[in-house]
Amino acid sequence: MDAVNLSDRLATFFEHWQPRTVALFSGHDVMVAKLHGTFNWHKHDDSDDFFLVLEGPLNAELRHRTVALGRGELFIVPRGIEHRPAAEYACHVMLIERSGTPNMALRGLRRRAG
């Protein structure tokens, strides 16, 4: 395995809400994604959701509060907790999910900015 440059990987695509797997880690996909706009409310019954902000602000909206994240900050949404990421401005993140977790964006549940 070679080093993975996350900035270089992010530069290879432009689509929002379409995570790209950049590495595998103990049965988990390590992904990068570009976010802009507000995702739909959802939850993962079998796994936590890991967000690390690489660039731009991100809000992790939960039903009872919002966690504001900036560059270099991470937040883990515990399994079973309803949430939605929201990015008023373009945002780059690293995500870690158990391999095989359905990608909600690819199932047509994403919303575009504007």
PDB file of N, CA and C in Angstrom:
ATOM      1  N   MET A   1       0.850  -1.183   0.000  1.00  0.00           N
ATOM      2  CA  MET A   1       0.000   0.000   0.000  1.00  0.00           C
ATOM      3  C   MET A   1       0.888   1.236   0.000  1.00  0.00           C
ATOM      4  N   ASP A   2       0.553   2.170  -0.850  1.00  0.00           N
ATOM      5  CA  ASP A   2       1.265   3.434  -0.916  1.00  0.00           C
ATOM      6  C   ASP A   2       0.510   4.490  -0.116  1.00  0.00           C
ATOM      7  N   ALA A   3       1.169   5.586   0.145  1.00  0.00           N
ATOM      8  CA  ALA A   3       0.515   6.709   0.813  1.00  0.00           C
ATOM      9  C   ALA A   3      -0.625   7.212  -0.069  1.00  0.00           C
ATOM     10  N   VAL A   4      -1.693   7.670   0.568  1.00  0.00           N
ATOM     11  CA  VAL A   4      -2.848   8.212  -0.149  1.00  0.00           C
ATOM     12  C   VAL A   4      -2.901   9.709   0.117  1.00  0.00           C
ATOM     13  N   ASN A   5      -2.833  10.498  -0.940  1.00  0.00           N
ATOM     14  CA  ASN A   5      -2.942  11.944  -0.813  1.00  0.00           C
ATOM     15  C   ASN A   5      -4.410  12.310  -1.013  1.00  0.00           C
ATOM     16  N   LEU A   6      -5.072  12.701   0.066  1.00  0.00           N
ATOM     17  CA  LEU A   6      -6.508  12.967   0.011  1.00  0.00           C
ATOM     18  C   LEU A   6      -6.846  14.147  -0.889  1.00  0.00           C
ATOM     19  N   SER A   7      -6.013  15.170  -0.895  1.00  0.00           N
ATOM     20  CA  SER A   7      -6.248  16.322  -1.772  1.00  0.00           C
ATOM     21  C   SER A   7      -6.185  15.908  -3.233  1.00  0.00           C
ATOM     22  N   ASP A   8      -5.205  15.081  -3.574  1.00  0.00           N
ATOM     23  CA  ASP A   8      -5.093  14.603  -4.950  1.00  0.00           C
ATOM     24  C   ASP A   8      -6.316  13.791  -5.345  1.00  0.00           C
ATOM     25  N   ARG A   9      -6.792  12.944  -4.456  1.00  0.00           N
ATOM     26  CA  ARG A   9      -7.978  12.127  -4.753  1.00  0.00           C
ATOM     27  C   ARG A   9      -9.216  13.003  -4.924  1.00  0.00           C
ATOM     28  N   LEU A  10      -9.362  14.001  -4.077  1.00  0.00           N
ATOM     29  CA  LEU A  10     -10.506  14.910  -4.190  1.00  0.00           C
ATOM     30  C   LEU A  10     -10.477  15.695  -5.500  1.00  0.00           C
ATOM     31  N   ALA A  11      -9.292  15.942  -6.030  1.00  0.00           N
ATOM     32  CA  ALA A  11      -9.162  16.708  -7.274  1.00  0.00           C
ATOM     33  C   ALA A  11      -9.583  15.912  -8.507  1.00  0.00           C
ATOM     34  N   THR A  12      -9.839  14.611  -8.344  1.00  0.00           N
ATOM     35  CA  THR A  12     -10.182  13.773  -9.500  1.00  0.00           C
ATOM     36  C   THR A  12     -11.669  13.769  -9.836  1.00  0.00           C
ATOM     37  N   PHE A  13     -12.499  14.430  -9.019  1.00  0.00           N
ATOM     38  CA  PHE A  13     -13.939  14.454  -9.306  1.00  0.00           C
ATOM     39  C   PHE A  13     -14.554  15.762  -8.824  1.00  0.00           C
ATOM     40  N   PHE A  14     -15.763  16.048  -9.320  1.00  0.00           N
ATOM     41  CA  PHE A  14     -16.434  17.304  -8.999  1.00  0.00           C
ATOM     42  C   PHE A  14     -17.800  17.105  -8.349  1.00  0.00           C
ATOM     43  N   GLU A  15     -18.383  15.933  -8.461  1.00  0.00           N
ATOM     44  CA  GLU A  15     -19.740  15.673  -7.979  1.00  0.00           C
ATOM     45  C   GLU A  15     -19.829  15.773  -6.454  1.00  0.00           C
ATOM     46  N   HIS A  16     -20.956  16.314  -5.995  1.00  0.00           N
ATOM     47  CA  HIS A  16     -21.238  16.358  -4.559  1.00  0.00           C
ATOM     48  C   HIS A  16     -22.024  15.115  -4.162  1.00  0.00           C
ATOM     49  N   TRP A  17     -21.837  14.700  -2.904  1.00  0.00           N
ATOM     50  CA  TRP A  17     -22.572  13.580  -2.304  1.00  0.00           C
ATOM     51  C   TRP A  17     -22.297  12.258  -3.015  1.00  0.00           C
ATOM     52  N   GLN A  18     -21.114  12.126  -3.606  1.00  0.00           N
ATOM     53  CA  GLN A  18     -20.729  10.881  -4.279  1.00  0.00           C
ATOM     54  C   GLN A  18     -19.373  10.418  -3.731  1.00  0.00           C
ATOM     55  N   PRO A  19     -19.358   9.799  -2.544  1.00  0.00           N
ATOM     56  CA  PRO A  19     -18.088   9.394  -1.924  1.00  0.00           C
ATOM     57  C   PRO A  19     -17.278   8.465  -2.813  1.00  0.00           C
ATOM     58  N   ARG A  20     -15.951   8.598  -2.733  1.00  0.00           N
ATOM     59  CA  ARG A  20     -15.019   7.745  -3.465  1.00  0.00           C
ATOM     60  C   ARG A  20     -14.153   7.008  -2.445  1.00  0.00           C
ATOM     61  N   THR A  21     -14.081   5.704  -2.558  1.00  0.00           N
ATOM     62  CA  THR A  21     -13.248   4.905  -1.658  1.00  0.00           C
ATOM     63  C   THR A  21     -11.785   5.094  -2.041  1.00  0.00           C
ATOM     64  N   VAL A  22     -10.961   5.433  -1.039  1.00  0.00           N
ATOM     65  CA  VAL A  22      -9.530   5.655  -1.281  1.00  0.00           C
ATOM     66  C   VAL A  22      -8.659   4.608  -0.595  1.00  0.00           C
ATOM     67  N   ALA A  23      -9.250   3.843   0.346  1.00  0.00           N
ATOM     68  CA  ALA A  23      -8.500   2.804   1.050  1.00  0.00           C
ATOM     69  C   ALA A  23      -9.487   1.891   1.778  1.00  0.00           C
ATOM     70  N   LEU A  24      -8.998   0.723   2.155  1.00  0.00           N
ATOM     71  CA  LEU A  24      -9.764  -0.217   2.974  1.00  0.00           C
ATOM     72  C   LEU A  24      -9.042  -0.366   4.302  1.00  0.00           C
ATOM     73  N   PHE A  25      -9.826  -0.456   5.383  1.00  0.00           N
ATOM     74  CA  PHE A  25      -9.248  -0.524   6.725  1.00  0.00           C
ATOM     75  C   PHE A  25     -10.088  -1.454   7.589  1.00  0.00           C
ATOM     76  N   SER A  26      -9.579  -2.636   7.892  1.00  0.00           N
ATOM     77  CA  SER A  26     -10.238  -3.581   8.802  1.00  0.00           C
ATOM     78  C   SER A  26     -11.729  -3.739   8.514  1.00  0.00           C
ATOM     79  N   GLY A  27     -12.059  -4.009   7.282  1.00  0.00           N
ATOM     80  CA  GLY A  27     -13.453  -4.213   6.917  1.00  0.00           C
ATOM     81  C   GLY A  27     -14.251  -2.933   6.746  1.00  0.00           C
ATOM     82  N   HIS A  28     -13.562  -1.809   6.634  1.00  0.00           N
ATOM     83  CA  HIS A  28     -14.221  -0.515   6.457  1.00  0.00           C
ATOM     84  C   HIS A  28     -13.691   0.180   5.203  1.00  0.00           C
ATOM     85  N   ASP A  29     -14.559   0.974   4.567  1.00  0.00           N
ATOM     86  CA  ASP A  29     -14.162   1.810   3.451  1.00  0.00           C
ATOM     87  C   ASP A  29     -13.756   3.180   3.991  1.00  0.00           C
ATOM     88  N   VAL A  30     -12.578   3.639   3.590  1.00  0.00           N
ATOM     89  CA  VAL A  30     -12.142   5.005   3.879  1.00  0.00           C
ATOM     90  C   VAL A  30     -12.432   5.784   2.602  1.00  0.00           C
ATOM     91  N   MET A  31     -13.252   6.827   2.698  1.00  0.00           N
ATOM     92  CA  MET A  31     -13.720   7.544   1.523  1.00  0.00           C
ATOM     93  C   MET A  31     -13.495   9.037   1.665  1.00  0.00           C
ATOM     94  N   VAL A  32     -13.447   9.710   0.530  1.00  0.00           N
ATOM     95  CA  VAL A  32     -13.482  11.165   0.502  1.00  0.00           C
ATOM     96  C   VAL A  32     -14.720  11.569  -0.285  1.00  0.00           C
ATOM     97  N   ALA A  33     -15.257  12.740   0.076  1.00  0.00           N
ATOM     98  CA  ALA A  33     -16.455  13.227  -0.603  1.00  0.00           C
ATOM     99  C   ALA A  33     -16.467  14.741  -0.584  1.00  0.00           C
ATOM    100  N   LYS A  34     -17.151  15.283  -1.574  1.00  0.00           N
ATOM    101  CA  LYS A  34     -17.418  16.720  -1.638  1.00  0.00           C
ATOM    102  C   LYS A  34     -18.892  16.907  -1.306  1.00  0.00           C
ATOM    103  N   LEU A  35     -19.164  17.801  -0.372  1.00  0.00           N
ATOM    104  CA  LEU A  35     -20.533  18.033   0.066  1.00  0.00           C
ATOM    105  C   LEU A  35     -20.915  19.482  -0.172  1.00  0.00           C
ATOM    106  N   HIS A  36     -22.156  19.707  -0.548  1.00  0.00           N
ATOM    107  CA  HIS A  36     -22.708  21.052  -0.659  1.00  0.00           C
ATOM    108  C   HIS A  36     -24.219  20.904  -0.675  1.00  0.00           C
ATOM    109  N   GLY A  37     -24.868  21.608   0.224  1.00  0.00           N
ATOM    110  CA  GLY A  37     -26.314  21.486   0.368  1.00  0.00           C
ATOM    111  C   GLY A  37     -26.652  20.654   1.600  1.00  0.00           C
ATOM    112  N   THR A  38     -27.865  20.169   1.637  1.00  0.00           N
ATOM    113  CA  THR A  38     -28.340  19.409   2.794  1.00  0.00           C
ATOM    114  C   THR A  38     -28.780  18.017   2.364  1.00  0.00           C
ATOM    115  N   PHE A  39     -28.276  17.014   3.030  1.00  0.00           N
ATOM    116  CA  PHE A  39     -28.624  15.623   2.767  1.00  0.00           C
ATOM    117  C   PHE A  39     -29.950  15.314   3.463  1.00  0.00           C
ATOM    118  N   ASN A  40     -30.610  14.253   3.071  1.00  0.00           N
ATOM    119  CA  ASN A  40     -31.857  13.845   3.735  1.00  0.00           C
ATOM    120  C   ASN A  40     -31.572  13.227   5.105  1.00  0.00           C
ATOM    121  N   TRP A  41     -32.574  13.275   5.981  1.00  0.00           N
ATOM    122  CA  TRP A  41     -32.497  12.605   7.272  1.00  0.00           C
ATOM    123  C   TRP A  41     -32.386  11.104   7.034  1.00  0.00           C
ATOM    124  N   HIS A  42     -31.488  10.458   7.780  1.00  0.00           N
ATOM    125  CA  HIS A  42     -31.324   9.012   7.674  1.00  0.00           C
ATOM    126  C   HIS A  42     -30.610   8.502   8.921  1.00  0.00           C
ATOM    127  N   LYS A  43     -30.511   7.192   9.040  1.00  0.00           N
ATOM    128  CA  LYS A  43     -29.764   6.583  10.143  1.00  0.00           C
ATOM    129  C   LYS A  43     -29.184   5.269   9.655  1.00  0.00           C
ATOM    130  N   HIS A  44     -28.194   4.794  10.386  1.00  0.00           N
ATOM    131  CA  HIS A  44     -27.558   3.515  10.098  1.00  0.00           C
ATOM    132  C   HIS A  44     -27.773   2.639  11.333  1.00  0.00           C
ATOM    133  N   ASP A  45     -28.574   1.607  11.186  1.00  0.00           N
ATOM    134  CA  ASP A  45     -28.904   0.760  12.336  1.00  0.00           C
ATOM    135  C   ASP A  45     -27.749  -0.125  12.786  1.00  0.00           C
ATOM    136  N   ASP A  46     -26.813  -0.436  11.870  1.00  0.00           N
ATOM    137  CA  ASP A  46     -25.769  -1.404  12.188  1.00  0.00           C
ATOM    138  C   ASP A  46     -24.368  -0.826  12.327  1.00  0.00           C
ATOM    139  N   SER A  47     -24.200   0.475  12.097  1.00  0.00           N
ATOM    140  CA  SER A  47     -22.846   1.031  12.184  1.00  0.00           C
ATOM    141  C   SER A  47     -22.881   2.523  12.492  1.00  0.00           C
ATOM    142  N   ASP A  48     -21.772   2.993  13.060  1.00  0.00           N
ATOM    143  CA  ASP A  48     -21.604   4.420  13.316  1.00  0.00           C
ATOM    144  C   ASP A  48     -21.259   5.115  11.990  1.00  0.00           C
ATOM    145  N   ASP A  49     -21.352   6.446  11.977  1.00  0.00           N
ATOM    146  CA  ASP A  49     -21.013   7.237  10.799  1.00  0.00           C
ATOM    147  C   ASP A  49     -19.898   8.209  11.195  1.00  0.00           C
ATOM    148  N   PHE A  50     -18.745   8.113  10.558  1.00  0.00           N
ATOM    149  CA  PHE A  50     -17.549   8.882  10.891  1.00  0.00           C
ATOM    150  C   PHE A  50     -17.345   9.992   9.869  1.00  0.00           C
ATOM    151  N   PHE A  51     -17.226  11.230  10.338  1.00  0.00           N
ATOM    152  CA  PHE A  51     -16.973  12.394   9.485  1.00  0.00           C
ATOM    153  C   PHE A  51     -15.722  13.116   9.981  1.00  0.00           C
ATOM    154  N   LEU A  52     -14.769  13.368   9.088  1.00  0.00           N
ATOM    155  CA  LEU A  52     -13.608  14.203   9.377  1.00  0.00           C
ATOM    156  C   LEU A  52     -13.605  15.304   8.330  1.00  0.00           C
ATOM    157  N   VAL A  53     -13.694  16.553   8.767  1.00  0.00           N
ATOM    158  CA  VAL A  53     -13.741  17.677   7.836  1.00  0.00           C
ATOM    159  C   VAL A  53     -12.325  18.018   7.388  1.00  0.00           C
ATOM    160  N   LEU A  54     -12.120  17.988   6.074  1.00  0.00           N
ATOM    161  CA  LEU A  54     -10.819  18.318   5.492  1.00  0.00           C
ATOM    162  C   LEU A  54     -10.763  19.771   5.045  1.00  0.00           C
ATOM    163  N   GLU A  55     -11.915  20.304   4.618  1.00  0.00           N
ATOM    164  CA  GLU A  55     -11.983  21.686   4.135  1.00  0.00           C
ATOM    165  C   GLU A  55     -13.421  22.181   4.247  1.00  0.00           C
ATOM    166  N   GLY A  56     -13.576  23.420   4.707  1.00  0.00           N
ATOM    167  CA  GLY A  56     -14.897  24.045   4.783  1.00  0.00           C
ATOM    168  C   GLY A  56     -15.667  23.646   6.021  1.00  0.00           C
ATOM    169  N   PRO A  57     -16.736  24.375   6.311  1.00  0.00           N
ATOM    170  CA  PRO A  57     -17.568  24.044   7.469  1.00  0.00           C
ATOM    171  C   PRO A  57     -18.606  22.976   7.127  1.00  0.00           C
ATOM    172  N   LEU A  58     -18.974  22.189   8.140  1.00  0.00           N
ATOM    173  CA  LEU A  58     -20.004  21.163   8.004  1.00  0.00           C
ATOM    174  C   LEU A  58     -20.842  21.141   9.269  1.00  0.00           C
ATOM    175  N   ASN A  59     -22.139  21.056   9.119  1.00  0.00           N
ATOM    176  CA  ASN A  59     -23.033  20.852  10.260  1.00  0.00           C
ATOM    177  C   ASN A  59     -23.518  19.412  10.243  1.00  0.00           C
ATOM    178  N   ALA A  60     -23.352  18.737  11.368  1.00  0.00           N
ATOM    179  CA  ALA A  60     -23.925  17.415  11.558  1.00  0.00           C
ATOM    180  C   ALA A  60     -25.227  17.651  12.326  1.00  0.00           C
ATOM    181  N   GLU A  61     -26.330  17.631  11.600  1.00  0.00           N
ATOM    182  CA  GLU A  61     -27.623  17.915  12.218  1.00  0.00           C
ATOM    183  C   GLU A  61     -28.210  16.631  12.786  1.00  0.00           C
ATOM    184  N   LEU A  62     -28.520  16.684  14.063  1.00  0.00           N
ATOM    185  CA  LEU A  62     -29.209  15.605  14.747  1.00  0.00           C
ATOM    186  C   LEU A  62     -30.604  16.129  15.087  1.00  0.00           C
ATOM    187  N   ARG A  63     -31.529  15.277  15.430  1.00  0.00           N
ATOM    188  CA  ARG A  63     -32.894  15.735  15.713  1.00  0.00           C
ATOM    189  C   ARG A  63     -32.948  16.685  16.920  1.00  0.00           C
ATOM    190  N   HIS A  64     -32.043  16.524  17.868  1.00  0.00           N
ATOM    191  CA  HIS A  64     -32.097  17.324  19.096  1.00  0.00           C
ATOM    192  C   HIS A  64     -31.016  18.404  19.194  1.00  0.00           C
ATOM    193  N   ARG A  65     -30.070  18.438  18.238  1.00  0.00           N
ATOM    194  CA  ARG A  65     -29.027  19.464  18.248  1.00  0.00           C
ATOM    195  C   ARG A  65     -28.247  19.416  16.948  1.00  0.00           C
ATOM    196  N   THR A  66     -27.432  20.452  16.739  1.00  0.00           N
ATOM    197  CA  THR A  66     -26.552  20.516  15.576  1.00  0.00           C
ATOM    198  C   THR A  66     -25.115  20.645  16.070  1.00  0.00           C
ATOM    199  N   VAL A  67     -24.229  19.848  15.497  1.00  0.00           N
ATOM    200  CA  VAL A  67     -22.815  19.901  15.829  1.00  0.00           C
ATOM    201  C   VAL A  67     -22.102  20.592  14.667  1.00  0.00           C
ATOM    202  N   ALA A  68     -21.534  21.779  14.934  1.00  0.00           N
ATOM    203  CA  ALA A  68     -20.814  22.540  13.917  1.00  0.00           C
ATOM    204  C   ALA A  68     -19.367  22.070  13.876  1.00  0.00           C
ATOM    205  N   LEU A  69     -18.909  21.713  12.686  1.00  0.00           N
ATOM    206  CA  LEU A  69     -17.550  21.204  12.505  1.00  0.00           C
ATOM    207  C   LEU A  69     -16.768  22.095  11.555  1.00  0.00           C
ATOM    208  N   GLY A  70     -15.510  22.282  11.854  1.00  0.00           N
ATOM    209  CA  GLY A  70     -14.606  23.023  10.987  1.00  0.00           C
ATOM    210  C   GLY A  70     -13.476  22.129  10.539  1.00  0.00           C
ATOM    211  N   ARG A  71     -12.604  22.699   9.760  1.00  0.00           N
ATOM    212  CA  ARG A  71     -11.454  21.964   9.226  1.00  0.00           C
ATOM    213  C   ARG A  71     -10.677  21.281  10.351  1.00  0.00           C
ATOM    214  N   GLY A  72     -10.394  19.999  10.150  1.00  0.00           N
ATOM    215  CA  GLY A  72      -9.616  19.242  11.120  1.00  0.00           C
ATOM    216  C   GLY A  72     -10.436  18.646  12.254  1.00  0.00           C
ATOM    217  N   GLU A  73     -11.739  18.887  12.266  1.00  0.00           N
ATOM    218  CA  GLU A  73     -12.582  18.339  13.335  1.00  0.00           C
ATOM    219  C   GLU A  73     -13.329  17.105  12.846  1.00  0.00           C
ATOM    220  N   LEU A  74     -13.561  16.184  13.769  1.00  0.00           N
ATOM    221  CA  LEU A  74     -14.300  14.985  13.420  1.00  0.00           C
ATOM    222  C   LEU A  74     -15.478  14.795  14.346  1.00  0.00           C
ATOM    223  N   PHE A  75     -16.435  14.043  13.851  1.00  0.00           N
ATOM    224  CA  PHE A  75     -17.632  13.733  14.629  1.00  0.00           C
ATOM    225  C   PHE A  75     -18.097  12.347  14.231  1.00  0.00           C
ATOM    226  N   ILE A  76     -18.481  11.563  15.217  1.00  0.00           N
ATOM    227  CA  ILE A  76     -19.007  10.228  14.972  1.00  0.00           C
ATOM    228  C   ILE A  76     -20.465  10.208  15.395  1.00  0.00           C
ATOM    229  N   VAL A  77     -21.339   9.892  14.446  1.00  0.00           N
ATOM    230  CA  VAL A  77     -22.760   9.735  14.734  1.00  0.00           C
ATOM    231  C   VAL A  77     -22.962   8.279  15.143  1.00  0.00           C
ATOM    232  N   PRO A  78     -23.423   8.036  16.374  1.00  0.00           N
ATOM    233  CA  PRO A  78     -23.623   6.651  16.806  1.00  0.00           C
ATOM    234  C   PRO A  78     -24.709   5.938  15.993  1.00  0.00           C
ATOM    235  N   ARG A  79     -24.537   4.647  15.838  1.00  0.00           N
ATOM    236  CA  ARG A  79     -25.522   3.854  15.106  1.00  0.00           C
ATOM    237  C   ARG A  79     -26.926   4.088  15.659  1.00  0.00           C
ATOM    238  N   GLY A  80     -27.882   4.116  14.753  1.00  0.00           N
ATOM    239  CA  GLY A  80     -29.275   4.261  15.143  1.00  0.00           C
ATOM    240  C   GLY A  80     -29.739   5.691  15.370  1.00  0.00           C
ATOM    241  N   ILE A  81     -28.830   6.673  15.302  1.00  0.00           N
ATOM    242  CA  ILE A  81     -29.191   8.073  15.527  1.00  0.00           C
ATOM    243  C   ILE A  81     -29.507   8.729  14.181  1.00  0.00           C
ATOM    244  N   GLU A  82     -30.691   9.305  14.080  1.00  0.00           N
ATOM    245  CA  GLU A  82     -31.086   9.985  12.855  1.00  0.00           C
ATOM    246  C   GLU A  82     -30.270  11.275  12.710  1.00  0.00           C
ATOM    247  N   HIS A  83     -29.768  11.511  11.505  1.00  0.00           N
ATOM    248  CA  HIS A  83     -28.905  12.665  11.266  1.00  0.00           C
ATOM    249  C   HIS A  83     -28.945  13.053   9.793  1.00  0.00           C
ATOM    250  N   ARG A  84     -28.388  14.231   9.532  1.00  0.00           N
ATOM    251  CA  ARG A  84     -28.171  14.657   8.152  1.00  0.00           C
ATOM    252  C   ARG A  84     -27.029  15.660   8.137  1.00  0.00           C
ATOM    253  N   PRO A  85     -26.065  15.460   7.248  1.00  0.00           N
ATOM    254  CA  PRO A  85     -25.005  16.447   7.075  1.00  0.00           C
ATOM    255  C   PRO A  85     -25.530  17.612   6.239  1.00  0.00           C
ATOM    256  N   ALA A  86     -25.073  18.817   6.583  1.00  0.00           N
ATOM    257  CA  ALA A  86     -25.482  20.018   5.855  1.00  0.00           C
ATOM    258  C   ALA A  86     -24.263  20.919   5.673  1.00  0.00           C
ATOM    259  N   ALA A  87     -24.040  21.320   4.426  1.00  0.00           N
ATOM    260  CA  ALA A  87     -22.897  22.173   4.100  1.00  0.00           C
ATOM    261  C   ALA A  87     -23.398  23.375   3.308  1.00  0.00           C
ATOM    262  N   GLU A  88     -23.441  24.527   3.975  1.00  0.00           N
ATOM    263  CA  GLU A  88     -23.885  25.751   3.302  1.00  0.00           C
ATOM    264  C   GLU A  88     -22.908  26.141   2.196  1.00  0.00           C
ATOM    265  N   TYR A  89     -21.636  25.864   2.412  1.00  0.00           N
ATOM    266  CA  TYR A  89     -20.580  26.125   1.441  1.00  0.00           C
ATOM    267  C   TYR A  89     -19.922  24.801   1.083  1.00  0.00           C
ATOM    268  N   ALA A  90     -19.192  24.775  -0.013  1.00  0.00           N
ATOM    269  CA  ALA A  90     -18.507  23.551  -0.421  1.00  0.00           C
ATOM    270  C   ALA A  90     -17.637  23.033   0.721  1.00  0.00           C
ATOM    271  N   CYS A  91     -17.676  21.736   0.916  1.00  0.00           N
ATOM    272  CA  CYS A  91     -16.987  21.096   2.030  1.00  0.00           C
ATOM    273  C   CYS A  91     -16.383  19.781   1.541  1.00  0.00           C
ATOM    274  N   HIS A  92     -15.188  19.457   2.017  1.00  0.00           N
ATOM    275  CA  HIS A  92     -14.543  18.180   1.704  1.00  0.00           C
ATOM    276  C   HIS A  92     -14.429  17.391   3.006  1.00  0.00           C
ATOM    277  N   VAL A  93     -14.768  16.118   2.945  1.00  0.00           N
ATOM    278  CA  VAL A  93     -14.723  15.283   4.143  1.00  0.00           C
ATOM    279  C   VAL A  93     -14.076  13.939   3.843  1.00  0.00           C
ATOM    280  N   MET A  94     -13.593  13.314   4.912  1.00  0.00           N
ATOM    281  CA  MET A  94     -13.214  11.919   4.868  1.00  0.00           C
ATOM    282  C   MET A  94     -14.272  11.172   5.665  1.00  0.00           C
ATOM    283  N   LEU A  95     -14.741  10.081   5.125  1.00  0.00           N
ATOM    284  CA  LEU A  95     -15.758   9.254   5.767  1.00  0.00           C
ATOM    285  C   LEU A  95     -15.190   7.860   5.976  1.00  0.00           C
ATOM    286  N   ILE A  96     -15.627   7.212   7.048  1.00  0.00           N
ATOM    287  CA  ILE A  96     -15.291   5.809   7.248  1.00  0.00           C
ATOM    288  C   ILE A  96     -16.587   5.083   7.546  1.00  0.00           C
ATOM    289  N   GLU A  97     -16.866   4.044   6.747  1.00  0.00           N
ATOM    290  CA  GLU A  97     -18.074   3.234   6.926  1.00  0.00           C
ATOM    291  C   GLU A  97     -17.710   1.768   6.768  1.00  0.00           C
ATOM    292  N   ARG A  98     -18.444   0.928   7.430  1.00  0.00           N
ATOM    293  CA  ARG A  98     -18.256  -0.508   7.259  1.00  0.00           C
ATOM    294  C   ARG A  98     -18.461  -0.842   5.781  1.00  0.00           C
ATOM    295  N   SER A  99     -17.564  -1.629   5.215  1.00  0.00           N
ATOM    296  CA  SER A  99     -17.696  -2.026   3.814  1.00  0.00           C
ATOM    297  C   SER A  99     -19.041  -2.694   3.597  1.00  0.00           C
ATOM    298  N   GLY A 100     -19.685  -2.326   2.502  1.00  0.00           N
ATOM    299  CA  GLY A 100     -20.996  -2.890   2.200  1.00  0.00           C
ATOM    300  C   GLY A 100     -22.157  -2.063   2.699  1.00  0.00           C
ATOM    301  N   THR A 101     -21.877  -0.984   3.470  1.00  0.00           N
ATOM    302  CA  THR A 101     -22.950  -0.096   3.916  1.00  0.00           C
ATOM    303  C   THR A 101     -23.550   0.570   2.684  1.00  0.00           C
ATOM    304  N   PRO A 102     -24.873   0.492   2.515  1.00  0.00           N
ATOM    305  CA  PRO A 102     -25.468   1.112   1.327  1.00  0.00           C
ATOM    306  C   PRO A 102     -25.140   2.597   1.262  1.00  0.00           C
ATOM    307  N   ASN A 103     -24.723   3.042   0.095  1.00  0.00           N
ATOM    308  CA  ASN A 103     -24.415   4.450  -0.100  1.00  0.00           C
ATOM    309  C   ASN A 103     -25.716   5.177  -0.386  1.00  0.00           C
ATOM    310  N   MET A 104     -26.167   5.966   0.569  1.00  0.00           N
ATOM    311  CA  MET A 104     -27.453   6.647   0.460  1.00  0.00           C
ATOM    312  C   MET A 104     -27.484   7.591  -0.736  1.00  0.00           C
ATOM    313  N   ALA A 105     -26.367   8.228  -1.069  1.00  0.00           N
ATOM    314  CA  ALA A 105     -26.340   9.163  -2.195  1.00  0.00           C
ATOM    315  C   ALA A 105     -26.617   8.436  -3.504  1.00  0.00           C
ATOM    316  N   LEU A 106     -26.033   7.253  -3.646  1.00  0.00           N
ATOM    317  CA  LEU A 106     -26.208   6.515  -4.885  1.00  0.00           C
ATOM    318  C   LEU A 106     -27.618   5.930  -5.001  1.00  0.00           C
ATOM    319  N   ARG A 107     -28.360   5.910  -3.909  1.00  0.00           N
ATOM    320  CA  ARG A 107     -29.737   5.428  -3.937  1.00  0.00           C
ATOM    321  C   ARG A 107     -30.719   6.574  -4.160  1.00  0.00           C
ATOM    322  N   GLY A 108     -30.197   7.743  -4.560  1.00  0.00           N
ATOM    323  CA  GLY A 108     -31.069   8.851  -4.943  1.00  0.00           C
ATOM    324  C   GLY A 108     -31.601   9.672  -3.791  1.00  0.00           C
ATOM    325  N   LEU A 109     -30.938   9.636  -2.631  1.00  0.00           N
ATOM    326  CA  LEU A 109     -31.448  10.373  -1.473  1.00  0.00           C
ATOM    327  C   LEU A 109     -30.703  11.676  -1.237  1.00  0.00           C
ATOM    328  N   ARG A 110     -29.925  12.107  -2.184  1.00  0.00           N
ATOM    329  CA  ARG A 110     -29.162  13.344  -1.964  1.00  0.00           C
ATOM    330  C   ARG A 110     -29.958  14.552  -2.433  1.00  0.00           C
ATOM    331  N   ARG A 111     -29.565  15.693  -1.923  1.00  0.00           N
ATOM    332  CA  ARG A 111     -30.141  16.965  -2.356  1.00  0.00           C
ATOM    333  C   ARG A 111     -29.008  17.840  -2.838  1.00  0.00           C
ATOM    334  N   ARG A 112     -29.247  18.571  -3.881  1.00  0.00           N
ATOM    335  CA  ARG A 112     -28.228  19.482  -4.400  1.00  0.00           C
ATOM    336  C   ARG A 112     -28.379  20.849  -3.748  1.00  0.00           C
ATOM    337  N   ALA A 113     -27.285  21.576  -3.744  1.00  0.00           N
ATOM    338  CA  ALA A 113     -27.307  22.939  -3.210  1.00  0.00           C
ATOM    339  C   ALA A 113     -28.125  23.837  -4.124  1.00  0.00           C
ATOM    340  N   GLY A 114     -28.640  24.922  -3.535  1.00  0.00           N
ATOM    341  CA  GLY A 114     -29.331  25.933  -4.324  1.00  0.00           C
ATOM    342  C   GLY A 114     -30.698  25.559  -4.569  1.00  0.00           C
TER     343      GLY A 114
END
